[in-house]
mmCIF file of all heavy atoms, coordinates in Angstrom:
data_MODEL
# 
_entry.id   MODEL 
# 
loop_
_atom_site.group_PDB 
_atom_site.id 
_atom_site.type_symbol 
_atom_site.label_atom_id 
_atom_site.label_alt_id 
_atom_site.label_comp_id 
_atom_site.label_asym_id 
_atom_site.label_entity_id 
_atom_site.label_seq_id 
_atom_site.pdbx_PDB_ins_code 
_atom_site.Cartn_x 
_atom_site.Cartn_y 
_atom_site.Cartn_z 
_atom_site.occupancy 
_atom_site.B_iso_or_equiv 
_atom_site.pdbx_formal_charge 
_atom_site.auth_seq_id 
_atom_site.auth_comp_id 
_atom_site.auth_asym_id 
_atom_site.auth_atom_id 
_atom_site.pdbx_PDB_model_num 
ATOM 1   N N   . ILE A 1 1  ? 0.838  -1.210 0.000   1.00 0.00 ? 1  ILE A N   1 
ATOM 2   C CA  . ILE A 1 1  ? 0.000  0.000  0.000   1.00 0.00 ? 1  ILE A CA  1 
ATOM 3   C C   . ILE A 1 1  ? 0.868  1.253  0.000   1.00 0.00 ? 1  ILE A C   1 
ATOM 4   O O   . ILE A 1 1  ? 0.612  2.210  -0.735  1.00 0.00 ? 1  ILE A O   1 
ATOM 5   C CB  . ILE A 1 1  ? -0.939 0.004  1.215   1.00 0.00 ? 1  ILE A CB  1 
ATOM 6   C CG1 . ILE A 1 1  ? -1.946 -1.147 1.110   1.00 0.00 ? 1  ILE A CG1 1 
ATOM 7   C CG2 . ILE A 1 1  ? -1.675 1.335  1.332   1.00 0.00 ? 1  ILE A CG2 1 
ATOM 8   C CD1 . ILE A 1 1  ? -2.860 -1.277 2.316   1.00 0.00 ? 1  ILE A CD1 1 
ATOM 9   N N   . LEU A 1 2  ? 1.914  1.240  0.814   1.00 0.00 ? 2  LEU A N   1 
ATOM 10  C CA  . LEU A 1 2  ? 2.715  2.439  1.023   1.00 0.00 ? 2  LEU A CA  1 
ATOM 11  C C   . LEU A 1 2  ? 3.806  2.609  -0.024  1.00 0.00 ? 2  LEU A C   1 
ATOM 12  O O   . LEU A 1 2  ? 4.264  1.638  -0.639  1.00 0.00 ? 2  LEU A O   1 
ATOM 13  C CB  . LEU A 1 2  ? 3.370  2.393  2.408   1.00 0.00 ? 2  LEU A CB  1 
ATOM 14  C CG  . LEU A 1 2  ? 2.436  2.340  3.611   1.00 0.00 ? 2  LEU A CG  1 
ATOM 15  C CD1 . LEU A 1 2  ? 3.257  2.260  4.900   1.00 0.00 ? 2  LEU A CD1 1 
ATOM 16  C CD2 . LEU A 1 2  ? 1.502  3.550  3.639   1.00 0.00 ? 2  LEU A CD2 1 
ATOM 17  N N   . LYS A 1 3  ? 4.224  3.850  -0.194  1.00 0.00 ? 3  LYS A N   1 
ATOM 18  C CA  . LYS A 1 3  ? 5.401  4.130  -0.999  1.00 0.00 ? 3  LYS A CA  1 
ATOM 19  C C   . LYS A 1 3  ? 6.647  3.701  -0.224  1.00 0.00 ? 3  LYS A C   1 
ATOM 20  O O   . LYS A 1 3  ? 6.624  3.543  0.996   1.00 0.00 ? 3  LYS A O   1 
ATOM 21  C CB  . LYS A 1 3  ? 5.485  5.616  -1.334  1.00 0.00 ? 3  LYS A CB  1 
ATOM 22  C CG  . LYS A 1 3  ? 4.374  6.098  -2.253  1.00 0.00 ? 3  LYS A CG  1 
ATOM 23  C CD  . LYS A 1 3  ? 4.526  7.586  -2.548  1.00 0.00 ? 3  LYS A CD  1 
ATOM 24  C CE  . LYS A 1 3  ? 3.437  8.069  -3.504  1.00 0.00 ? 3  LYS A CE  1 
ATOM 25  N NZ  . LYS A 1 3  ? 3.554  9.508  -3.797  1.00 0.00 ? 3  LYS A NZ  1 
ATOM 26  N N   . VAL A 1 4  ? 7.739  3.531  -0.946  1.00 0.00 ? 4  VAL A N   1 
ATOM 27  C CA  . VAL A 1 4  ? 8.982  3.080  -0.328  1.00 0.00 ? 4  VAL A CA  1 
ATOM 28  C C   . VAL A 1 4  ? 9.384  3.991  0.817   1.00 0.00 ? 4  VAL A C   1 
ATOM 29  O O   . VAL A 1 4  ? 9.769  3.523  1.894   1.00 0.00 ? 4  VAL A O   1 
ATOM 30  C CB  . VAL A 1 4  ? 10.101 3.011  -1.384  1.00 0.00 ? 4  VAL A CB  1 
ATOM 31  C CG1 . VAL A 1 4  ? 11.461 2.797  -0.726  1.00 0.00 ? 4  VAL A CG1 1 
ATOM 32  C CG2 . VAL A 1 4  ? 9.819  1.899  -2.395  1.00 0.00 ? 4  VAL A CG2 1 
ATOM 33  N N   . ARG A 1 5  ? 9.282  5.310  0.638   1.00 0.00 ? 5  ARG A N   1 
ATOM 34  C CA  . ARG A 1 5  ? 9.730  6.240  1.666   1.00 0.00 ? 5  ARG A CA  1 
ATOM 35  C C   . ARG A 1 5  ? 8.863  6.171  2.922   1.00 0.00 ? 5  ARG A C   1 
ATOM 36  O O   . ARG A 1 5  ? 9.302  6.537  4.012   1.00 0.00 ? 5  ARG A O   1 
ATOM 37  C CB  . ARG A 1 5  ? 9.744  7.671  1.139   1.00 0.00 ? 5  ARG A CB  1 
ATOM 38  C CG  . ARG A 1 5  ? 8.397  8.293  0.891   1.00 0.00 ? 5  ARG A CG  1 
ATOM 39  C CD  . ARG A 1 5  ? 8.494  9.819  0.742   1.00 0.00 ? 5  ARG A CD  1 
ATOM 40  N NE  . ARG A 1 5  ? 9.194  10.235 -0.459  1.00 0.00 ? 5  ARG A NE  1 
ATOM 41  C CZ  . ARG A 1 5  ? 10.411 10.765 -0.459  1.00 0.00 ? 5  ARG A CZ  1 
ATOM 42  N NH1 . ARG A 1 5  ? 11.066 10.919 0.681   1.00 0.00 ? 5  ARG A NH1 1 
ATOM 43  N NH2 . ARG A 1 5  ? 10.964 11.130 -1.605  1.00 0.00 ? 5  ARG A NH2 1 
ATOM 44  N N   . ASP A 1 6  ? 7.631  5.702  2.787   1.00 0.00 ? 6  ASP A N   1 
ATOM 45  C CA  . ASP A 1 6  ? 6.701  5.705  3.919   1.00 0.00 ? 6  ASP A CA  1 
ATOM 46  C C   . ASP A 1 6  ? 6.701  4.399  4.704   1.00 0.00 ? 6  ASP A C   1 
ATOM 47  O O   . ASP A 1 6  ? 6.006  4.282  5.714   1.00 0.00 ? 6  ASP A O   1 
ATOM 48  C CB  . ASP A 1 6  ? 5.284  5.996  3.423   1.00 0.00 ? 6  ASP A CB  1 
ATOM 49  C CG  . ASP A 1 6  ? 5.171  7.380  2.802   1.00 0.00 ? 6  ASP A CG  1 
ATOM 50  O OD1 . ASP A 1 6  ? 5.843  8.291  3.296   1.00 0.00 ? 6  ASP A OD1 1 
ATOM 51  O OD2 . ASP A 1 6  ? 4.431  7.523  1.805   1.00 0.00 ? 6  ASP A OD2 1 
ATOM 52  N N   . CYS A 1 7  ? 7.457  3.427  4.244   1.00 0.00 ? 7  CYS A N   1 
ATOM 53  C CA  . CYS A 1 7  ? 7.569  2.158  4.967   1.00 0.00 ? 7  CYS A CA  1 
ATOM 54  C C   . CYS A 1 7  ? 8.954  2.104  5.601   1.00 0.00 ? 7  CYS A C   1 
ATOM 55  O O   . CYS A 1 7  ? 9.967  2.006  4.898   1.00 0.00 ? 7  CYS A O   1 
ATOM 56  C CB  . CYS A 1 7  ? 7.361  0.970  4.030   1.00 0.00 ? 7  CYS A CB  1 
ATOM 57  S SG  . CYS A 1 7  ? 7.548  -0.630 4.856   1.00 0.00 ? 7  CYS A SG  1 
ATOM 58  N N   . HIS A 1 8  ? 9.013  2.162  6.914   1.00 0.00 ? 8  HIS A N   1 
ATOM 59  C CA  . HIS A 1 8  ? 10.298 2.266  7.614   1.00 0.00 ? 8  HIS A CA  1 
ATOM 60  C C   . HIS A 1 8  ? 11.231 1.109  7.277   1.00 0.00 ? 8  HIS A C   1 
ATOM 61  O O   . HIS A 1 8  ? 12.418 1.327  6.975   1.00 0.00 ? 8  HIS A O   1 
ATOM 62  C CB  . HIS A 1 8  ? 10.066 2.333  9.125   1.00 0.00 ? 8  HIS A CB  1 
ATOM 63  C CG  . HIS A 1 8  ? 11.333 2.326  9.927   1.00 0.00 ? 8  HIS A CG  1 
ATOM 64  N ND1 . HIS A 1 8  ? 12.173 3.424  9.999   1.00 0.00 ? 8  HIS A ND1 1 
ATOM 65  C CD2 . HIS A 1 8  ? 11.927 1.334  10.669  1.00 0.00 ? 8  HIS A CD2 1 
ATOM 66  C CE1 . HIS A 1 8  ? 13.212 3.130  10.761  1.00 0.00 ? 8  HIS A CE1 1 
ATOM 67  N NE2 . HIS A 1 8  ? 13.093 1.870  11.176  1.00 0.00 ? 8  HIS A NE2 1 
ATOM 68  N N   . SER A 1 9  ? 10.716 -0.121 7.334   1.00 0.00 ? 9  SER A N   1 
ATOM 69  C CA  . SER A 1 9  ? 11.587 -1.278 7.108   1.00 0.00 ? 9  SER A CA  1 
ATOM 70  C C   . SER A 1 9  ? 12.143 -1.286 5.685   1.00 0.00 ? 9  SER A C   1 
ATOM 71  O O   . SER A 1 9  ? 13.348 -1.525 5.478   1.00 0.00 ? 9  SER A O   1 
ATOM 72  C CB  . SER A 1 9  ? 10.838 -2.579 7.400   1.00 0.00 ? 9  SER A CB  1 
ATOM 73  O OG  . SER A 1 9  ? 9.650  -2.661 6.647   1.00 0.00 ? 9  SER A OG  1 
ATOM 74  N N   . ASN A 1 10 ? 11.290 -0.997 4.693   1.00 0.00 ? 10 ASN A N   1 
ATOM 75  C CA  . ASN A 1 10 ? 11.779 -0.955 3.309   1.00 0.00 ? 10 ASN A CA  1 
ATOM 76  C C   . ASN A 1 10 ? 12.844 0.120  3.137   1.00 0.00 ? 10 ASN A C   1 
ATOM 77  O O   . ASN A 1 10 ? 13.864 -0.092 2.458   1.00 0.00 ? 10 ASN A O   1 
ATOM 78  C CB  . ASN A 1 10 ? 10.623 -0.694 2.346   1.00 0.00 ? 10 ASN A CB  1 
ATOM 79  C CG  . ASN A 1 10 ? 9.757  -1.924 2.124   1.00 0.00 ? 10 ASN A CG  1 
ATOM 80  O OD1 . ASN A 1 10 ? 10.197 -3.045 2.341   1.00 0.00 ? 10 ASN A OD1 1 
ATOM 81  N ND2 . ASN A 1 10 ? 8.526  -1.709 1.696   1.00 0.00 ? 10 ASN A ND2 1 
ATOM 82  N N   . ALA A 1 11 ? 12.613 1.285  3.731   1.00 0.00 ? 11 ALA A N   1 
ATOM 83  C CA  . ALA A 1 11 ? 13.582 2.374  3.622   1.00 0.00 ? 11 ALA A CA  1 
ATOM 84  C C   . ALA A 1 11 ? 14.923 1.991  4.236   1.00 0.00 ? 11 ALA A C   1 
ATOM 85  O O   . ALA A 1 11 ? 15.983 2.228  3.647   1.00 0.00 ? 11 ALA A O   1 
ATOM 86  C CB  . ALA A 1 11 ? 13.021 3.627  4.303   1.00 0.00 ? 11 ALA A CB  1 
ATOM 87  N N   . VAL A 1 12 ? 14.881 1.372  5.405   1.00 0.00 ? 12 VAL A N   1 
ATOM 88  C CA  . VAL A 1 12 ? 16.121 0.973  6.081   1.00 0.00 ? 12 VAL A CA  1 
ATOM 89  C C   . VAL A 1 12 ? 16.880 -0.060 5.255   1.00 0.00 ? 12 VAL A C   1 
ATOM 90  O O   . VAL A 1 12 ? 18.100 0.044  5.062   1.00 0.00 ? 12 VAL A O   1 
ATOM 91  C CB  . VAL A 1 12 ? 15.800 0.412  7.483   1.00 0.00 ? 12 VAL A CB  1 
ATOM 92  C CG1 . VAL A 1 12 ? 17.015 -0.287 8.083   1.00 0.00 ? 12 VAL A CG1 1 
ATOM 93  C CG2 . VAL A 1 12 ? 15.332 1.523  8.405   1.00 0.00 ? 12 VAL A CG2 1 
ATOM 94  N N   . TRP A 1 13 ? 16.168 -1.065 4.745   1.00 0.00 ? 13 TRP A N   1 
ATOM 95  C CA  . TRP A 1 13 ? 16.833 -2.126 3.986   1.00 0.00 ? 13 TRP A CA  1 
ATOM 96  C C   . TRP A 1 13 ? 17.439 -1.606 2.697   1.00 0.00 ? 13 TRP A C   1 
ATOM 97  O O   . TRP A 1 13 ? 18.554 -1.982 2.323   1.00 0.00 ? 13 TRP A O   1 
ATOM 98  C CB  . TRP A 1 13 ? 15.831 -3.247 3.675   1.00 0.00 ? 13 TRP A CB  1 
ATOM 99  C CG  . TRP A 1 13 ? 15.407 -4.026 4.877   1.00 0.00 ? 13 TRP A CG  1 
ATOM 100 C CD1 . TRP A 1 13 ? 16.164 -4.313 5.982   1.00 0.00 ? 13 TRP A CD1 1 
ATOM 101 C CD2 . TRP A 1 13 ? 14.119 -4.613 5.110   1.00 0.00 ? 13 TRP A CD2 1 
ATOM 102 N NE1 . TRP A 1 13 ? 15.430 -5.029 6.888   1.00 0.00 ? 13 TRP A NE1 1 
ATOM 103 C CE2 . TRP A 1 13 ? 14.176 -5.244 6.384   1.00 0.00 ? 13 TRP A CE2 1 
ATOM 104 C CE3 . TRP A 1 13 ? 12.928 -4.671 4.379   1.00 0.00 ? 13 TRP A CE3 1 
ATOM 105 C CZ2 . TRP A 1 13 ? 13.084 -5.913 6.922   1.00 0.00 ? 13 TRP A CZ2 1 
ATOM 106 C CZ3 . TRP A 1 13 ? 11.845 -5.350 4.914   1.00 0.00 ? 13 TRP A CZ3 1 
ATOM 107 C CH2 . TRP A 1 13 ? 11.924 -5.963 6.170   1.00 0.00 ? 13 TRP A CH2 1 
ATOM 108 N N   . ILE A 1 14 ? 16.715 -0.745 1.972   1.00 0.00 ? 14 ILE A N   1 
ATOM 109 C CA  . ILE A 1 14 ? 17.225 -0.231 0.699   1.00 0.00 ? 14 ILE A CA  1 
ATOM 110 C C   . ILE A 1 14 ? 18.432 0.671  0.929   1.00 0.00 ? 14 ILE A C   1 
ATOM 111 O O   . ILE A 1 14 ? 19.436 0.589  0.200   1.00 0.00 ? 14 ILE A O   1 
ATOM 112 C CB  . ILE A 1 14 ? 16.112 0.516  -0.061  1.00 0.00 ? 14 ILE A CB  1 
ATOM 113 C CG1 . ILE A 1 14 ? 15.056 -0.491 -0.535  1.00 0.00 ? 14 ILE A CG1 1 
ATOM 114 C CG2 . ILE A 1 14 ? 16.689 1.281  -1.249  1.00 0.00 ? 14 ILE A CG2 1 
ATOM 115 C CD1 . ILE A 1 14 ? 13.807 0.141  -1.092  1.00 0.00 ? 14 ILE A CD1 1 
ATOM 116 N N   . LYS A 1 15 ? 18.380 1.528  1.941   1.00 0.00 ? 15 LYS A N   1 
ATOM 117 C CA  . LYS A 1 15 ? 19.528 2.390  2.234   1.00 0.00 ? 15 LYS A CA  1 
ATOM 118 C C   . LYS A 1 15 ? 20.746 1.560  2.612   1.00 0.00 ? 15 LYS A C   1 
ATOM 119 O O   . LYS A 1 15 ? 21.871 1.866  2.196   1.00 0.00 ? 15 LYS A O   1 
ATOM 120 C CB  . LYS A 1 15 ? 19.177 3.357  3.361   1.00 0.00 ? 15 LYS A CB  1 
ATOM 121 C CG  . LYS A 1 15 ? 18.213 4.465  2.956   1.00 0.00 ? 15 LYS A CG  1 
ATOM 122 C CD  . LYS A 1 15 ? 17.897 5.366  4.143   1.00 0.00 ? 15 LYS A CD  1 
ATOM 123 C CE  . LYS A 1 15 ? 16.903 6.452  3.769   1.00 0.00 ? 15 LYS A CE  1 
ATOM 124 N NZ  . LYS A 1 15 ? 16.574 7.328  4.931   1.00 0.00 ? 15 LYS A NZ  1 
ATOM 125 N N   . ALA A 1 16 ? 20.543 0.516  3.395   1.00 0.00 ? 16 ALA A N   1 
ATOM 126 C CA  . ALA A 1 16 ? 21.662 -0.327 3.826   1.00 0.00 ? 16 ALA A CA  1 
ATOM 127 C C   . ALA A 1 16 ? 22.259 -1.095 2.652   1.00 0.00 ? 16 ALA A C   1 
ATOM 128 O O   . ALA A 1 16 ? 23.487 -1.228 2.535   1.00 0.00 ? 16 ALA A O   1 
ATOM 129 C CB  . ALA A 1 16 ? 21.200 -1.290 4.915   1.00 0.00 ? 16 ALA A CB  1 
ATOM 130 N N   . ALA A 1 17 ? 21.394 -1.597 1.772   1.00 0.00 ? 17 ALA A N   1 
ATOM 131 C CA  . ALA A 1 17 ? 21.873 -2.418 0.664   1.00 0.00 ? 17 ALA A CA  1 
ATOM 132 C C   . ALA A 1 17 ? 22.466 -1.584 -0.469  1.00 0.00 ? 17 ALA A C   1 
ATOM 133 O O   . ALA A 1 17 ? 23.444 -1.999 -1.100  1.00 0.00 ? 17 ALA A O   1 
ATOM 134 C CB  . ALA A 1 17 ? 20.732 -3.287 0.126   1.00 0.00 ? 17 ALA A CB  1 
ATOM 135 N N   . TYR A 1 18 ? 21.865 -0.408 -0.736  1.00 0.00 ? 18 TYR A N   1 
ATOM 136 C CA  . TYR A 1 18 ? 22.218 0.332  -1.950  1.00 0.00 ? 18 TYR A CA  1 
ATOM 137 C C   . TYR A 1 18 ? 22.656 1.774  -1.729  1.00 0.00 ? 18 TYR A C   1 
ATOM 138 O O   . TYR A 1 18 ? 23.206 2.384  -2.644  1.00 0.00 ? 18 TYR A O   1 
ATOM 139 C CB  . TYR A 1 18 ? 21.022 0.343  -2.907  1.00 0.00 ? 18 TYR A CB  1 
ATOM 140 C CG  . TYR A 1 18 ? 20.653 -1.023 -3.428  1.00 0.00 ? 18 TYR A CG  1 
ATOM 141 C CD1 . TYR A 1 18 ? 19.464 -1.633 -3.053  1.00 0.00 ? 18 TYR A CD1 1 
ATOM 142 C CD2 . TYR A 1 18 ? 21.491 -1.705 -4.307  1.00 0.00 ? 18 TYR A CD2 1 
ATOM 143 C CE1 . TYR A 1 18 ? 19.111 -2.892 -3.541  1.00 0.00 ? 18 TYR A CE1 1 
ATOM 144 C CE2 . TYR A 1 18 ? 21.158 -2.960 -4.796  1.00 0.00 ? 18 TYR A CE2 1 
ATOM 145 C CZ  . TYR A 1 18 ? 19.962 -3.549 -4.404  1.00 0.00 ? 18 TYR A CZ  1 
ATOM 146 O OH  . TYR A 1 18 ? 19.622 -4.787 -4.880  1.00 0.00 ? 18 TYR A OH  1 
ATOM 147 N N   . GLY A 1 19 ? 22.374 2.329  -0.565  1.00 0.00 ? 19 GLY A N   1 
ATOM 148 C CA  . GLY A 1 19 ? 22.778 3.704  -0.321  1.00 0.00 ? 19 GLY A CA  1 
ATOM 149 C C   . GLY A 1 19 ? 21.666 4.712  -0.566  1.00 0.00 ? 19 GLY A C   1 
ATOM 150 O O   . GLY A 1 19 ? 20.601 4.398  -1.096  1.00 0.00 ? 19 GLY A O   1 
ATOM 151 N N   . GLU A 1 20 ? 21.940 5.947  -0.209  1.00 0.00 ? 20 GLU A N   1 
ATOM 152 C CA  . GLU A 1 20 ? 20.939 7.012  -0.242  1.00 0.00 ? 20 GLU A CA  1 
ATOM 153 C C   . GLU A 1 20 ? 20.488 7.362  -1.658  1.00 0.00 ? 20 GLU A C   1 
ATOM 154 O O   . GLU A 1 20 ? 19.310 7.645  -1.896  1.00 0.00 ? 20 GLU A O   1 
ATOM 155 C CB  . GLU A 1 20 ? 21.514 8.261  0.437   1.00 0.00 ? 20 GLU A CB  1 
ATOM 156 C CG  . GLU A 1 20 ? 20.555 9.440  0.537   1.00 0.00 ? 20 GLU A CG  1 
ATOM 157 C CD  . GLU A 1 20 ? 19.388 9.180  1.470   1.00 0.00 ? 20 GLU A CD  1 
ATOM 158 O OE1 . GLU A 1 20 ? 19.534 8.372  2.402   1.00 0.00 ? 20 GLU A OE1 1 
ATOM 159 O OE2 . GLU A 1 20 ? 18.312 9.812  1.272   1.00 0.00 ? 20 GLU A OE2 1 
ATOM 160 N N   . GLU A 1 21 ? 21.404 7.342  -2.608  1.00 0.00 ? 21 GLU A N   1 
ATOM 161 C CA  . GLU A 1 21 ? 21.051 7.736  -3.973  1.00 0.00 ? 21 GLU A CA  1 
ATOM 162 C C   . GLU A 1 21 ? 20.006 6.800  -4.579  1.00 0.00 ? 21 GLU A C   1 
ATOM 163 O O   . GLU A 1 21 ? 19.013 7.248  -5.166  1.00 0.00 ? 21 GLU A O   1 
ATOM 164 C CB  . GLU A 1 21 ? 22.299 7.764  -4.860  1.00 0.00 ? 21 GLU A CB  1 
ATOM 165 C CG  . GLU A 1 21 ? 22.017 8.237  -6.287  1.00 0.00 ? 21 GLU A CG  1 
ATOM 166 C CD  . GLU A 1 21 ? 23.268 8.304  -7.137  1.00 0.00 ? 21 GLU A CD  1 
ATOM 167 O OE1 . GLU A 1 21 ? 24.386 8.175  -6.580  1.00 0.00 ? 21 GLU A OE1 1 
ATOM 168 O OE2 . GLU A 1 21 ? 23.135 8.485  -8.370  1.00 0.00 ? 21 GLU A OE2 1 
ATOM 169 N N   . ILE A 1 22 ? 20.217 5.516  -4.429  1.00 0.00 ? 22 ILE A N   1 
ATOM 170 C CA  . ILE A 1 22 ? 19.249 4.543  -4.946  1.00 0.00 ? 22 ILE A CA  1 
ATOM 171 C C   . ILE A 1 22 ? 17.932 4.668  -4.195  1.00 0.00 ? 22 ILE A C   1 
ATOM 172 O O   . ILE A 1 22 ? 16.845 4.585  -4.796  1.00 0.00 ? 22 ILE A O   1 
ATOM 173 C CB  . ILE A 1 22 ? 19.805 3.109  -4.829  1.00 0.00 ? 22 ILE A CB  1 
ATOM 174 C CG1 . ILE A 1 22 ? 21.027 2.937  -5.723  1.00 0.00 ? 22 ILE A CG1 1 
ATOM 175 C CG2 . ILE A 1 22 ? 18.732 2.075  -5.167  1.00 0.00 ? 22 ILE A CG2 1 
ATOM 176 C CD1 . ILE A 1 22 ? 20.750 3.079  -7.196  1.00 0.00 ? 22 ILE A CD1 1 
ATOM 177 N N   . PHE A 1 23 ? 18.017 4.877  -2.884  1.00 0.00 ? 23 PHE A N   1 
ATOM 178 C CA  . PHE A 1 23 ? 16.790 5.047  -2.111  1.00 0.00 ? 23 PHE A CA  1 
ATOM 179 C C   . PHE A 1 23 ? 15.961 6.217  -2.640  1.00 0.00 ? 23 PHE A C   1 
ATOM 180 O O   . PHE A 1 23 ? 14.734 6.105  -2.795  1.00 0.00 ? 23 PHE A O   1 
ATOM 181 C CB  . PHE A 1 23 ? 17.108 5.267  -0.628  1.00 0.00 ? 23 PHE A CB  1 
ATOM 182 C CG  . PHE A 1 23 ? 15.927 5.733  0.174   1.00 0.00 ? 23 PHE A CG  1 
ATOM 183 C CD1 . PHE A 1 23 ? 14.895 4.858  0.483   1.00 0.00 ? 23 PHE A CD1 1 
ATOM 184 C CD2 . PHE A 1 23 ? 15.823 7.061  0.588   1.00 0.00 ? 23 PHE A CD2 1 
ATOM 185 C CE1 . PHE A 1 23 ? 13.780 5.283  1.202   1.00 0.00 ? 23 PHE A CE1 1 
ATOM 186 C CE2 . PHE A 1 23 ? 14.720 7.499  1.305   1.00 0.00 ? 23 PHE A CE2 1 
ATOM 187 C CZ  . PHE A 1 23 ? 13.699 6.604  1.609   1.00 0.00 ? 23 PHE A CZ  1 
ATOM 188 N N   . GLN A 1 24 ? 16.600 7.336  -2.929  1.00 0.00 ? 24 GLN A N   1 
ATOM 189 C CA  . GLN A 1 24 ? 15.874 8.505  -3.419  1.00 0.00 ? 24 GLN A CA  1 
ATOM 190 C C   . GLN A 1 24 ? 15.221 8.227  -4.774  1.00 0.00 ? 24 GLN A C   1 
ATOM 191 O O   . GLN A 1 24 ? 14.138 8.746  -5.065  1.00 0.00 ? 24 GLN A O   1 
ATOM 192 C CB  . GLN A 1 24 ? 16.805 9.705  -3.508  1.00 0.00 ? 24 GLN A CB  1 
ATOM 193 C CG  . GLN A 1 24 ? 17.252 10.251 -2.162  1.00 0.00 ? 24 GLN A CG  1 
ATOM 194 C CD  . GLN A 1 24 ? 16.087 10.716 -1.291  1.00 0.00 ? 24 GLN A CD  1 
ATOM 195 O OE1 . GLN A 1 24 ? 15.027 11.135 -1.798  1.00 0.00 ? 24 GLN A OE1 1 
ATOM 196 N NE2 . GLN A 1 24 ? 16.259 10.641 0.017   1.00 0.00 ? 24 GLN A NE2 1 
ATOM 197 N N   . GLN A 1 25 ? 15.846 7.421  -5.596  1.00 0.00 ? 25 GLN A N   1 
ATOM 198 C CA  . GLN A 1 25 ? 15.248 7.074  -6.881  1.00 0.00 ? 25 GLN A CA  1 
ATOM 199 C C   . GLN A 1 25 ? 14.009 6.197  -6.726  1.00 0.00 ? 25 GLN A C   1 
ATOM 200 O O   . GLN A 1 25 ? 13.131 6.181  -7.589  1.00 0.00 ? 25 GLN A O   1 
ATOM 201 C CB  . GLN A 1 25 ? 16.283 6.352  -7.753  1.00 0.00 ? 25 GLN A CB  1 
ATOM 202 C CG  . GLN A 1 25 ? 17.459 7.226  -8.176  1.00 0.00 ? 25 GLN A CG  1 
ATOM 203 C CD  . GLN A 1 25 ? 18.457 6.464  -9.021  1.00 0.00 ? 25 GLN A CD  1 
ATOM 204 O OE1 . GLN A 1 25 ? 18.091 5.810  -10.004 1.00 0.00 ? 25 GLN A OE1 1 
ATOM 205 N NE2 . GLN A 1 25 ? 19.727 6.527  -8.659  1.00 0.00 ? 25 GLN A NE2 1 
ATOM 206 N N   . LEU A 1 26 ? 13.942 5.473  -5.608  1.00 0.00 ? 26 LEU A N   1 
ATOM 207 C CA  . LEU A 1 26 ? 12.825 4.565  -5.366  1.00 0.00 ? 26 LEU A CA  1 
ATOM 208 C C   . LEU A 1 26 ? 11.783 5.135  -4.416  1.00 0.00 ? 26 LEU A C   1 
ATOM 209 O O   . LEU A 1 26 ? 10.680 4.585  -4.293  1.00 0.00 ? 26 LEU A O   1 
ATOM 210 C CB  . LEU A 1 26 ? 13.349 3.243  -4.778  1.00 0.00 ? 26 LEU A CB  1 
ATOM 211 C CG  . LEU A 1 26 ? 14.176 2.361  -5.706  1.00 0.00 ? 26 LEU A CG  1 
ATOM 212 C CD1 . LEU A 1 26 ? 14.917 1.296  -4.906  1.00 0.00 ? 26 LEU A CD1 1 
ATOM 213 C CD2 . LEU A 1 26 ? 13.272 1.705  -6.748  1.00 0.00 ? 26 LEU A CD2 1 
# 
């Protein structure tokens, strides 16, 4: 339901795996 930025766990995992730049694109 939520966007990537609005789901805490997804945001944490993506930042850890790929970094801030990829997170911002998603």
